[in-house]
Amino acid sequence: MVTMQSWELARVADNVAIVNRAAGVLLHISPSPAVNWRDAPLTIINPTNRLGRLLQTLIPQLADLGLAEWSPEGFVIPHEDFAELEAHDVDAFADLIEWAPFSLVLESTGWLGGETHSYRYQLCLGARPVDVERLGSVVRRAGTFYRLDAQTFRLLQAIDSFNALDVNQKASPEAFIRFAEIKGLASSVGAQLDQYLLTNRVLVPARVGLDLVVEPGDRISFAPRIEGVPEAAIRWYEKALQIPNLDSETHTALHYELANAYEIAQNKPWALKHFLEVYGSNIDYRDVSERIKSLKS
């Protein structure tokens, strides 16, 4: 896909053009507004549509919301904000640029963690691939401009960002986190995925840590804690329980955390099974009696 440096999307007044650039969508005003534009009304000459008529009130609104920045040429709306204007109840651009009607096909090359791993996307109209140019959150096809919705824009930005990583970064744990991010965004927009992306999954816990557990007799043990992704926690704890020669405290702690993960995953029978394992080892362990009672009720 070829990108250009600047597109004039529309002219909304004799002295105002909406220009798309890599940094964002520019409300280009001639002559350039003063730095202290808040103290002097903007001069909009012969507005030609609804957006042009709204500019004098719209620009201060965007600035107050932190969605527009002053520049020597006018006001810039960064692409990440332009894609989400409607979420801030700003619909002034709705009639100016249509929403993109395209679906998305996502493919990968290489393998996850490999130095050559990258992603390629293709926009389609129905089942037919289309040639478009993209500059930020705006795409152009056959002379017509379209806005990308926020989720699609974030996905394409994430892909571009990943593909720009150097070989060391692509082979680092960061690549796996980005894989999970890209796949999650692709799922949210209903993108069609290739077989590799469909069959591989990365679970990223919200937090990994240790719990300090005080046992009867003033003994202290540590229990691993994985938050945010119960499936990942279950697999980790089950694998840890297979380690030979575990001491009894660690064995009990792992069963407790495994039970907790099963309960979070709404698998009550298996949660009860592992809580009973804990109870069989130490009836006073943490809140195991209450947890068993709750699951049986």
C-alpha atoms as a PDB file:
ATOM      1  CA  MET A   1       0.000   0.000   0.000  1.00  0.00           C
ATOM      2  CA  VAL A   2       1.361   3.387  -0.995  1.00  0.00           C
ATOM      3  CA  THR A   3       0.988   6.297   1.400  1.00  0.00           C
ATOM      4  CA  MET A   4       1.206   9.969   0.478  1.00  0.00           C
ATOM      5  CA  GLN A   5       2.301  12.903   2.581  1.00  0.00           C
ATOM      6  CA  SER A   6      -0.791  15.088   2.292  1.00  0.00           C
ATOM      7  CA  TRP A   7      -4.374  14.791   1.023  1.00  0.00           C
ATOM      8  CA  GLU A   8      -6.928  17.588   0.831  1.00  0.00           C
ATOM      9  CA  LEU A   9     -10.081  15.884   2.002  1.00  0.00           C
ATOM     10  CA  ALA A  10     -12.457  18.806   1.555  1.00  0.00           C
ATOM     11  CA  ARG A  11     -12.769  22.580   1.540  1.00  0.00           C
ATOM     12  CA  VAL A  12     -15.352  23.710   4.067  1.00  0.00           C
ATOM     13  CA  ALA A  13     -14.945  27.493   3.678  1.00  0.00           C
ATOM     14  CA  ASP A  14     -13.108  29.865   1.382  1.00  0.00           C
ATOM     15  CA  ASN A  15     -10.227  29.962   3.848  1.00  0.00           C
ATOM     16  CA  VAL A  16     -10.477  26.513   5.483  1.00  0.00           C
ATOM     17  CA  ALA A  17      -9.447  23.152   4.042  1.00  0.00           C
ATOM     18  CA  ILE A  18      -9.469  19.758   5.765  1.00  0.00           C
ATOM     19  CA  VAL A  19      -6.101  18.164   5.008  1.00  0.00           C
ATOM     20  CA  ASN A  20      -4.985  14.664   5.924  1.00  0.00           C
ATOM     21  CA  ARG A  21      -1.363  14.213   6.939  1.00  0.00           C
ATOM     22  CA  ALA A  22       0.719  11.558   8.660  1.00  0.00           C
ATOM     23  CA  ALA A  23       0.474  13.372  12.005  1.00  0.00           C
ATOM     24  CA  GLY A  24      -3.295  13.818  11.873  1.00  0.00           C
ATOM     25  CA  VAL A  25      -6.166  15.630  10.205  1.00  0.00           C
ATOM     26  CA  LEU A  26      -5.340  19.330   9.814  1.00  0.00           C
ATOM     27  CA  LEU A  27      -7.961  22.081   9.799  1.00  0.00           C
ATOM     28  CA  HIS A  28      -5.876  24.342   7.585  1.00  0.00           C
ATOM     29  CA  ILE A  29      -6.922  27.979   8.076  1.00  0.00           C
ATOM     30  CA  SER A  30      -5.725  30.926   5.980  1.00  0.00           C
ATOM     31  CA  PRO A  31      -4.445  33.211   7.267  1.00  0.00           C
ATOM     32  CA  SER A  32      -2.966  31.166  10.088  1.00  0.00           C
ATOM     33  CA  PRO A  33      -4.713  31.757  13.454  1.00  0.00           C
ATOM     34  CA  ALA A  34      -2.801  33.631  16.131  1.00  0.00           C
ATOM     35  CA  VAL A  35      -1.312  31.722  19.023  1.00  0.00           C
ATOM     36  CA  ASN A  36      -3.774  33.456  21.329  1.00  0.00           C
ATOM     37  CA  TRP A  37      -6.713  32.386  19.165  1.00  0.00           C
ATOM     38  CA  ARG A  38      -8.847  31.834  22.273  1.00  0.00           C
ATOM     39  CA  ASP A  39      -8.862  35.610  22.820  1.00  0.00           C
ATOM     40  CA  ALA A  40      -9.929  36.457  19.283  1.00  0.00           C
ATOM     41  CA  PRO A  41     -12.744  34.879  17.250  1.00  0.00           C
ATOM     42  CA  LEU A  42     -11.655  32.754  14.304  1.00  0.00           C
ATOM     43  CA  THR A  43     -12.484  34.230  10.916  1.00  0.00           C
ATOM     44  CA  ILE A  44     -14.321  31.699   8.753  1.00  0.00           C
ATOM     45  CA  ILE A  45     -15.057  33.086   5.283  1.00  0.00           C
ATOM     46  CA  ASN A  46     -18.081  31.802   3.338  1.00  0.00           C
ATOM     47  CA  PRO A  47     -18.565  28.394   4.967  1.00  0.00           C
ATOM     48  CA  THR A  48     -19.794  25.911   2.360  1.00  0.00           C
ATOM     49  CA  ASN A  49     -21.261  23.165   4.544  1.00  0.00           C
ATOM     50  CA  ARG A  50     -22.313  22.226   8.060  1.00  0.00           C
ATOM     51  CA  LEU A  51     -18.748  21.621   9.229  1.00  0.00           C
ATOM     52  CA  GLY A  52     -17.621  25.039   7.992  1.00  0.00           C
ATOM     53  CA  ARG A  53     -20.480  26.714   9.847  1.00  0.00           C
ATOM     54  CA  LEU A  54     -19.627  24.855  13.054  1.00  0.00           C
ATOM     55  CA  LEU A  55     -15.894  25.549  13.070  1.00  0.00           C
ATOM     56  CA  GLN A  56     -15.931  28.632  15.281  1.00  0.00           C
ATOM     57  CA  THR A  57     -17.474  26.627  18.109  1.00  0.00           C
ATOM     58  CA  LEU A  58     -16.103  23.220  17.152  1.00  0.00           C
ATOM     59  CA  ILE A  59     -12.396  24.106  17.358  1.00  0.00           C
ATOM     60  CA  PRO A  60     -12.546  25.392  20.967  1.00  0.00           C
ATOM     61  CA  GLN A  61     -14.587  22.290  21.861  1.00  0.00           C
ATOM     62  CA  LEU A  62     -11.974  19.974  20.361  1.00  0.00           C
ATOM     63  CA  ALA A  63      -9.178  21.868  22.097  1.00  0.00           C
ATOM     64  CA  ASP A  64     -10.947  21.731  25.474  1.00  0.00           C
ATOM     65  CA  LEU A  65     -11.394  17.967  25.060  1.00  0.00           C
ATOM     66  CA  GLY A  66      -7.695  17.607  24.258  1.00  0.00           C
ATOM     67  CA  LEU A  67      -8.498  16.338  20.752  1.00  0.00           C
ATOM     68  CA  ALA A  68      -6.964  19.177  18.716  1.00  0.00           C
ATOM     69  CA  GLU A  69      -3.588  20.879  18.874  1.00  0.00           C
ATOM     70  CA  TRP A  70      -2.662  24.305  17.541  1.00  0.00           C
ATOM     71  CA  SER A  71      -0.068  24.425  14.774  1.00  0.00           C
ATOM     72  CA  PRO A  72       1.239  27.316  12.647  1.00  0.00           C
ATOM     73  CA  GLU A  73      -1.097  26.175   9.855  1.00  0.00           C
ATOM     74  CA  GLY A  74      -4.247  25.594  11.844  1.00  0.00           C
ATOM     75  CA  PHE A  75      -5.447  22.835  14.143  1.00  0.00           C
ATOM     76  CA  VAL A  76      -4.378  19.199  14.048  1.00  0.00           C
ATOM     77  CA  ILE A  77      -6.539  16.317  15.240  1.00  0.00           C
ATOM     78  CA  PRO A  78      -4.209  13.326  15.814  1.00  0.00           C
ATOM     79  CA  HIS A  79      -5.396  10.217  13.971  1.00  0.00           C
ATOM     80  CA  GLU A  80      -6.011   8.231  17.143  1.00  0.00           C
ATOM     81  CA  ASP A  81      -8.424  10.981  18.241  1.00  0.00           C
ATOM     82  CA  PHE A  82      -9.941  11.534  14.793  1.00  0.00           C
ATOM     83  CA  ALA A  83     -10.935   7.859  14.678  1.00  0.00           C
ATOM     84  CA  GLU A  84     -12.840   8.249  17.960  1.00  0.00           C
ATOM     85  CA  LEU A  85     -14.536  11.644  17.597  1.00  0.00           C
ATOM     86  CA  GLU A  86     -18.017  10.130  17.843  1.00  0.00           C
ATOM     87  CA  ALA A  87     -17.100   8.614  21.209  1.00  0.00           C
ATOM     88  CA  HIS A  88     -16.745  12.230  22.400  1.00  0.00           C
ATOM     89  CA  ASP A  89     -20.130  13.196  20.874  1.00  0.00           C
ATOM     90  CA  VAL A  90     -18.424  15.045  17.993  1.00  0.00           C
ATOM     91  CA  ASP A  91     -20.239  14.174  14.750  1.00  0.00           C
ATOM     92  CA  ALA A  92     -19.370  17.257  12.705  1.00  0.00           C
ATOM     93  CA  PHE A  93     -17.239  15.190  10.291  1.00  0.00           C
ATOM     94  CA  ALA A  94     -19.886  12.505   9.747  1.00  0.00           C
ATOM     95  CA  ASP A  95     -21.222  14.009   6.520  1.00  0.00           C
ATOM     96  CA  LEU A  96     -17.810  14.993   5.235  1.00  0.00           C
ATOM     97  CA  ILE A  97     -16.028  11.622   5.052  1.00  0.00           C
ATOM     98  CA  GLU A  98     -17.795   8.260   4.796  1.00  0.00           C
ATOM     99  CA  TRP A  99     -16.954   5.340   7.025  1.00  0.00           C
ATOM    100  CA  ALA A 100     -14.856   2.727   5.236  1.00  0.00           C
ATOM    101  CA  PRO A 101     -17.055  -0.126   3.943  1.00  0.00           C
ATOM    102  CA  PHE A 102     -14.175  -2.584   3.703  1.00  0.00           C
ATOM    103  CA  SER A 103     -13.535  -5.880   5.438  1.00  0.00           C
ATOM    104  CA  LEU A 104     -10.054  -6.976   6.424  1.00  0.00           C
ATOM    105  CA  VAL A 105      -7.943 -10.058   5.689  1.00  0.00           C
ATOM    106  CA  LEU A 106      -4.875 -10.568   7.867  1.00  0.00           C
ATOM    107  CA  GLU A 107      -1.965 -12.868   7.057  1.00  0.00           C
ATOM    108  CA  SER A 108       1.351 -13.604   8.741  1.00  0.00           C
ATOM    109  CA  THR A 109       4.743 -14.572   7.378  1.00  0.00           C
ATOM    110  CA  GLY A 110       7.432 -16.412   9.271  1.00  0.00           C
ATOM    111  CA  TRP A 111       6.702 -17.740  12.764  1.00  0.00           C
ATOM    112  CA  LEU A 112       6.028 -16.129  16.102  1.00  0.00           C
ATOM    113  CA  GLY A 113       9.322 -15.231  17.751  1.00  0.00           C
ATOM    114  CA  GLY A 114      11.230 -15.522  14.485  1.00  0.00           C
ATOM    115  CA  GLU A 115      13.351 -12.678  13.162  1.00  0.00           C
ATOM    116  CA  THR A 116      11.362 -12.479   9.895  1.00  0.00           C
ATOM    117  CA  HIS A 117       7.890 -12.625  11.429  1.00  0.00           C
ATOM    118  CA  SER A 118       5.566  -9.942  10.048  1.00  0.00           C
ATOM    119  CA  TYR A 119       1.938  -9.268   9.194  1.00  0.00           C
ATOM    120  CA  ARG A 120       0.227  -8.245   5.984  1.00  0.00           C
ATOM    121  CA  TYR A 121      -3.301  -6.914   5.681  1.00  0.00           C
ATOM    122  CA  GLN A 122      -5.619  -6.575   2.712  1.00  0.00           C
ATOM    123  CA  LEU A 123      -8.796  -4.514   2.544  1.00  0.00           C
ATOM    124  CA  CYS A 124     -11.673  -6.116   0.664  1.00  0.00           C
ATOM    125  CA  LEU A 125     -15.057  -5.043  -0.639  1.00  0.00           C
ATOM    126  CA  GLY A 126     -17.155  -8.106  -0.095  1.00  0.00           C
ATOM    127  CA  ALA A 127     -14.860 -10.969  -1.082  1.00  0.00           C
ATOM    128  CA  ARG A 128     -12.906  -8.901  -3.597  1.00  0.00           C
ATOM    129  CA  PRO A 129      -9.538  -7.352  -2.654  1.00  0.00           C
ATOM    130  CA  VAL A 130      -9.316  -3.623  -3.374  1.00  0.00           C
ATOM    131  CA  ASP A 131      -6.348  -1.342  -3.883  1.00  0.00           C
ATOM    132  CA  VAL A 132      -6.350   1.537  -1.444  1.00  0.00           C
ATOM    133  CA  GLU A 133      -3.893   4.064  -0.084  1.00  0.00           C
ATOM    134  CA  ARG A 134      -3.809   4.660   3.663  1.00  0.00           C
ATOM    135  CA  LEU A 135      -2.595   7.719   5.508  1.00  0.00           C
ATOM    136  CA  GLY A 136      -3.324   7.393   9.206  1.00  0.00           C
ATOM    137  CA  SER A 137      -7.008   6.830   9.895  1.00  0.00           C
ATOM    138  CA  VAL A 138      -8.088   7.727   6.347  1.00  0.00           C
ATOM    139  CA  VAL A 139      -7.958   5.558   3.233  1.00  0.00           C
ATOM    140  CA  ARG A 140      -8.464   6.551  -0.393  1.00  0.00           C
ATOM    141  CA  ARG A 141      -9.874   4.437  -3.190  1.00  0.00           C
ATOM    142  CA  ALA A 142     -10.525   5.702  -6.700  1.00  0.00           C
ATOM    143  CA  GLY A 143     -10.475   9.323  -5.525  1.00  0.00           C
ATOM    144  CA  THR A 144     -12.924   8.782  -2.651  1.00  0.00           C
ATOM    145  CA  PHE A 145     -11.841   9.175   0.970  1.00  0.00           C
ATOM    146  CA  TYR A 146     -13.059   6.952   3.817  1.00  0.00           C
ATOM    147  CA  ARG A 147     -12.579   7.009   7.573  1.00  0.00           C
ATOM    148  CA  LEU A 148     -11.425   3.918   9.435  1.00  0.00           C
ATOM    149  CA  ASP A 149     -13.234   3.084  12.655  1.00  0.00           C
ATOM    150  CA  ALA A 150     -11.176   3.259  15.835  1.00  0.00           C
ATOM    151  CA  GLN A 151     -10.639  -0.497  16.258  1.00  0.00           C
ATOM    152  CA  THR A 152      -9.544  -1.013  12.651  1.00  0.00           C
ATOM    153  CA  PHE A 153      -7.197   1.969  12.857  1.00  0.00           C
ATOM    154  CA  ARG A 154      -5.630   0.636  16.069  1.00  0.00           C
ATOM    155  CA  LEU A 155      -5.185  -2.783  14.446  1.00  0.00           C
ATOM    156  CA  LEU A 156      -3.433  -1.388  11.377  1.00  0.00           C
ATOM    157  CA  GLN A 157      -1.256   0.840  13.558  1.00  0.00           C
ATOM    158  CA  ALA A 158      -0.314  -2.165  15.699  1.00  0.00           C
ATOM    159  CA  ILE A 159       0.605  -4.124  12.562  1.00  0.00           C
ATOM    160  CA  ASP A 160       2.711  -1.270  11.180  1.00  0.00           C
ATOM    161  CA  SER A 161       4.415  -0.879  14.555  1.00  0.00           C
ATOM    162  CA  PHE A 162       5.209  -4.591  14.797  1.00  0.00           C
ATOM    163  CA  ASN A 163       6.534  -4.815  11.253  1.00  0.00           C
ATOM    164  CA  ALA A 164       8.893  -1.909  12.026  1.00  0.00           C
ATOM    165  CA  LEU A 165      10.541  -3.761  14.946  1.00  0.00           C
ATOM    166  CA  ASP A 166      14.146  -4.793  14.509  1.00  0.00           C
ATOM    167  CA  VAL A 167      15.094  -8.476  14.419  1.00  0.00           C
ATOM    168  CA  ASN A 168      16.060  -8.580  18.096  1.00  0.00           C
ATOM    169  CA  GLN A 169      12.711  -7.166  19.191  1.00  0.00           C
ATOM    170  CA  LYS A 170      10.833  -9.649  16.990  1.00  0.00           C
ATOM    171  CA  ALA A 171      12.648 -12.466  18.781  1.00  0.00           C
ATOM    172  CA  SER A 172      11.917 -11.064  22.256  1.00  0.00           C
ATOM    173  CA  PRO A 173       8.982 -11.685  24.639  1.00  0.00           C
ATOM    174  CA  GLU A 174       7.549  -8.345  23.461  1.00  0.00           C
ATOM    175  CA  ALA A 175       6.682 -10.002  20.139  1.00  0.00           C
ATOM    176  CA  PHE A 176       4.375 -12.459  21.907  1.00  0.00           C
ATOM    177  CA  ILE A 177       2.571  -9.659  23.735  1.00  0.00           C
ATOM    178  CA  ARG A 178       2.097  -7.797  20.460  1.00  0.00           C
ATOM    179  CA  PHE A 179       0.837 -10.987  18.818  1.00  0.00           C
ATOM    180  CA  ALA A 180      -1.875 -11.239  21.475  1.00  0.00           C
ATOM    181  CA  GLU A 181      -2.747  -7.549  20.982  1.00  0.00           C
ATOM    182  CA  ILE A 182      -2.973  -7.862  17.198  1.00  0.00           C
ATOM    183  CA  LYS A 183      -5.036 -11.028  17.339  1.00  0.00           C
ATOM    184  CA  GLY A 184      -7.391  -9.486  19.884  1.00  0.00           C
ATOM    185  CA  LEU A 185      -7.918  -6.382  17.757  1.00  0.00           C
ATOM    186  CA  ALA A 186      -8.391  -8.537  14.647  1.00  0.00           C
ATOM    187  CA  SER A 187     -11.085 -10.490  16.443  1.00  0.00           C
ATOM    188  CA  SER A 188     -12.852  -7.275  17.532  1.00  0.00           C
ATOM    189  CA  VAL A 189     -13.199  -6.060  13.914  1.00  0.00           C
ATOM    190  CA  GLY A 190     -14.101  -9.472  12.488  1.00  0.00           C
ATOM    191  CA  ALA A 191     -10.967  -9.731  10.361  1.00  0.00           C
ATOM    192  CA  GLN A 192     -10.411 -12.916   8.376  1.00  0.00           C
ATOM    193  CA  LEU A 193      -7.284 -14.666   9.684  1.00  0.00           C
ATOM    194  CA  ASP A 194      -4.944 -17.088   7.975  1.00  0.00           C
ATOM    195  CA  GLN A 195      -4.453 -20.593   9.357  1.00  0.00           C
ATOM    196  CA  TYR A 196      -1.386 -19.700  11.401  1.00  0.00           C
ATOM    197  CA  LEU A 197      -3.176 -16.875  13.201  1.00  0.00           C
ATOM    198  CA  LEU A 198      -6.262 -19.017  13.736  1.00  0.00           C
ATOM    199  CA  THR A 199      -4.390 -21.909  15.331  1.00  0.00           C
ATOM    200  CA  ASN A 200      -1.918 -20.003  17.516  1.00  0.00           C
ATOM    201  CA  ARG A 201      -2.860 -18.163  20.669  1.00  0.00           C
ATOM    202  CA  VAL A 202      -0.930 -16.182  23.252  1.00  0.00           C
ATOM    203  CA  LEU A 203      -2.454 -15.526  26.664  1.00  0.00           C
ATOM    204  CA  VAL A 204      -1.076 -12.497  28.471  1.00  0.00           C
ATOM    205  CA  PRO A 205      -1.769 -12.384  32.223  1.00  0.00           C
ATOM    206  CA  ALA A 206      -2.685  -9.034  33.706  1.00  0.00           C
ATOM    207  CA  ARG A 207      -0.154  -9.706  36.471  1.00  0.00           C
ATOM    208  CA  VAL A 208       2.195 -12.452  37.603  1.00  0.00           C
ATOM    209  CA  GLY A 209       3.402 -12.455  41.177  1.00  0.00           C
ATOM    210  CA  LEU A 210       3.821 -14.271  44.458  1.00  0.00           C
ATOM    211  CA  ASP A 211       1.578 -14.419  47.495  1.00  0.00           C
ATOM    212  CA  LEU A 212       3.220 -14.583  50.919  1.00  0.00           C
ATOM    213  CA  VAL A 213       1.357 -17.217  52.950  1.00  0.00           C
ATOM    214  CA  VAL A 214       1.746 -17.536  56.728  1.00  0.00           C
ATOM    215  CA  GLU A 215       1.111 -21.138  57.789  1.00  0.00           C
ATOM    216  CA  PRO A 216       0.300 -22.466  61.251  1.00  0.00           C
ATOM    217  CA  GLY A 217       3.417 -22.557  63.415  1.00  0.00           C
ATOM    218  CA  ASP A 218       4.663 -19.292  61.896  1.00  0.00           C
ATOM    219  CA  ARG A 219       5.907 -21.029  58.772  1.00  0.00           C
ATOM    220  CA  ILE A 220       6.058 -18.887  55.660  1.00  0.00           C
ATOM    221  CA  SER A 221       5.573 -20.096  52.079  1.00  0.00           C
ATOM    222  CA  PHE A 222       5.149 -18.464  48.698  1.00  0.00           C
ATOM    223  CA  ALA A 223       2.313 -19.203  46.287  1.00  0.00           C
ATOM    224  CA  PRO A 224       2.468 -18.137  42.625  1.00  0.00           C
ATOM    225  CA  ARG A 225      -0.312 -15.868  41.398  1.00  0.00           C
ATOM    226  CA  ILE A 226      -1.365 -15.293  37.774  1.00  0.00           C
ATOM    227  CA  GLU A 227      -4.127 -12.741  37.278  1.00  0.00           C
ATOM    228  CA  GLY A 228      -6.310 -11.847  34.327  1.00  0.00           C
ATOM    229  CA  VAL A 229      -6.118 -15.082  32.294  1.00  0.00           C
ATOM    230  CA  PRO A 230      -7.436 -18.128  34.214  1.00  0.00           C
ATOM    231  CA  GLU A 231      -6.700 -20.497  31.297  1.00  0.00           C
ATOM    232  CA  ALA A 232      -3.008 -19.590  31.425  1.00  0.00           C
ATOM    233  CA  ALA A 233      -2.973 -19.968  35.208  1.00  0.00           C
ATOM    234  CA  ILE A 234      -4.577 -23.414  35.015  1.00  0.00           C
ATOM    235  CA  ARG A 235      -2.018 -24.684  32.527  1.00  0.00           C
ATOM    236  CA  TRP A 236       0.874 -23.223  34.545  1.00  0.00           C
ATOM    237  CA  TYR A 237      -0.250 -24.656  37.886  1.00  0.00           C
ATOM    238  CA  GLU A 238      -1.021 -28.095  36.413  1.00  0.00           C
ATOM    239  CA  LYS A 239       2.435 -28.212  34.876  1.00  0.00           C
ATOM    240  CA  ALA A 240       4.025 -27.070  38.140  1.00  0.00           C
ATOM    241  CA  LEU A 241       2.275 -29.888  40.029  1.00  0.00           C
ATOM    242  CA  GLN A 242       4.098 -32.403  37.820  1.00  0.00           C
ATOM    243  CA  ILE A 243       7.492 -31.258  39.110  1.00  0.00           C
ATOM    244  CA  PRO A 244       9.013 -34.163  41.071  1.00  0.00           C
ATOM    245  CA  ASN A 245       9.816 -33.957  44.769  1.00  0.00           C
ATOM    246  CA  LEU A 246       7.703 -30.886  45.552  1.00  0.00           C
ATOM    247  CA  ASP A 247       7.610 -30.061  49.249  1.00  0.00           C
ATOM    248  CA  SER A 248       4.211 -30.342  50.903  1.00  0.00           C
ATOM    249  CA  GLU A 249       3.744 -26.575  51.375  1.00  0.00           C
ATOM    250  CA  THR A 250       4.336 -25.819  47.692  1.00  0.00           C
ATOM    251  CA  HIS A 251       2.142 -28.760  46.656  1.00  0.00           C
ATOM    252  CA  THR A 252      -0.709 -27.428  48.787  1.00  0.00           C
ATOM    253  CA  ALA A 253      -0.253 -23.855  47.560  1.00  0.00           C
ATOM    254  CA  LEU A 254      -0.353 -24.973  43.915  1.00  0.00           C
ATOM    255  CA  HIS A 255      -3.551 -26.935  44.440  1.00  0.00           C
ATOM    256  CA  TYR A 256      -5.111 -23.896  46.137  1.00  0.00           C
ATOM    257  CA  GLU A 257      -4.191 -21.553  43.262  1.00  0.00           C
ATOM    258  CA  LEU A 258      -5.313 -24.115  40.695  1.00  0.00           C
ATOM    259  CA  ALA A 259      -8.669 -24.395  42.453  1.00  0.00           C
ATOM    260  CA  ASN A 260      -8.976 -20.615  42.492  1.00  0.00           C
ATOM    261  CA  ALA A 261      -8.217 -20.425  38.757  1.00  0.00           C
ATOM    262  CA  TYR A 262     -10.830 -23.092  37.987  1.00  0.00           C
ATOM    263  CA  GLU A 263     -13.411 -21.179  40.020  1.00  0.00           C
ATOM    264  CA  ILE A 264     -12.627 -17.948  38.116  1.00  0.00           C
ATOM    265  CA  ALA A 265     -13.026 -19.926  34.875  1.00  0.00           C
ATOM    266  CA  GLN A 266     -16.490 -21.023  36.110  1.00  0.00           C
ATOM    267  CA  ASN A 267     -15.437 -24.683  36.379  1.00  0.00           C
ATOM    268  CA  LYS A 268     -16.830 -25.391  39.832  1.00  0.00           C
ATOM    269  CA  PRO A 269     -16.432 -29.208  39.896  1.00  0.00           C
ATOM    270  CA  TRP A 270     -12.691 -28.984  39.241  1.00  0.00           C
ATOM    271  CA  ALA A 271     -12.340 -26.047  41.619  1.00  0.00           C
ATOM    272  CA  LEU A 272     -13.968 -28.131  44.360  1.00  0.00           C
ATOM    273  CA  LYS A 273     -11.725 -31.103  43.536  1.00  0.00           C
ATOM    274  CA  HIS A 274      -8.540 -29.111  44.091  1.00  0.00           C
ATOM    275  CA  PHE A 275      -9.837 -27.285  47.159  1.00  0.00           C
ATOM    276  CA  LEU A 276     -10.550 -30.725  48.651  1.00  0.00           C
ATOM    277  CA  GLU A 277      -6.942 -31.692  47.878  1.00  0.00           C
ATOM    278  CA  VAL A 278      -5.862 -28.672  49.908  1.00  0.00           C
ATOM    279  CA  TYR A 279      -8.271 -29.522  52.711  1.00  0.00           C
ATOM    280  CA  GLY A 280      -6.911 -33.072  52.823  1.00  0.00           C
ATOM    281  CA  SER A 281      -3.416 -31.697  53.372  1.00  0.00           C
ATOM    282  CA  ASN A 282      -4.229 -28.868  55.764  1.00  0.00           C
ATOM    283  CA  ILE A 283      -7.734 -28.154  56.991  1.00  0.00           C
ATOM    284  CA  ASP A 284      -6.623 -24.710  58.239  1.00  0.00           C
ATOM    285  CA  TYR A 285      -5.027 -23.580  54.995  1.00  0.00           C
ATOM    286  CA  ARG A 286      -6.089 -20.007  54.258  1.00  0.00           C
ATOM    287  CA  ASP A 287      -9.864 -19.879  53.594  1.00  0.00           C
ATOM    288  CA  VAL A 288     -10.168 -23.365  52.096  1.00  0.00           C
ATOM    289  CA  SER A 289     -13.034 -24.430  54.389  1.00  0.00           C
ATOM    290  CA  GLU A 290     -15.130 -21.426  53.401  1.00  0.00           C
ATOM    291  CA  ARG A 291     -14.336 -21.911  49.707  1.00  0.00           C
ATOM    292  CA  ILE A 292     -15.464 -25.569  49.837  1.00  0.00           C
ATOM    293  CA  LYS A 293     -18.624 -24.625  51.683  1.00  0.00           C
ATOM    294  CA  SER A 294     -19.396 -21.924  49.092  1.00  0.00           C
ATOM    295  CA  LEU A 295     -18.882 -24.269  46.175  1.00  0.00           C
ATOM    296  CA  LYS A 296     -21.052 -26.976  47.717  1.00  0.00           C
ATOM    297  CA  SER A 297     -23.920 -24.602  48.482  1.00  0.00           C
END
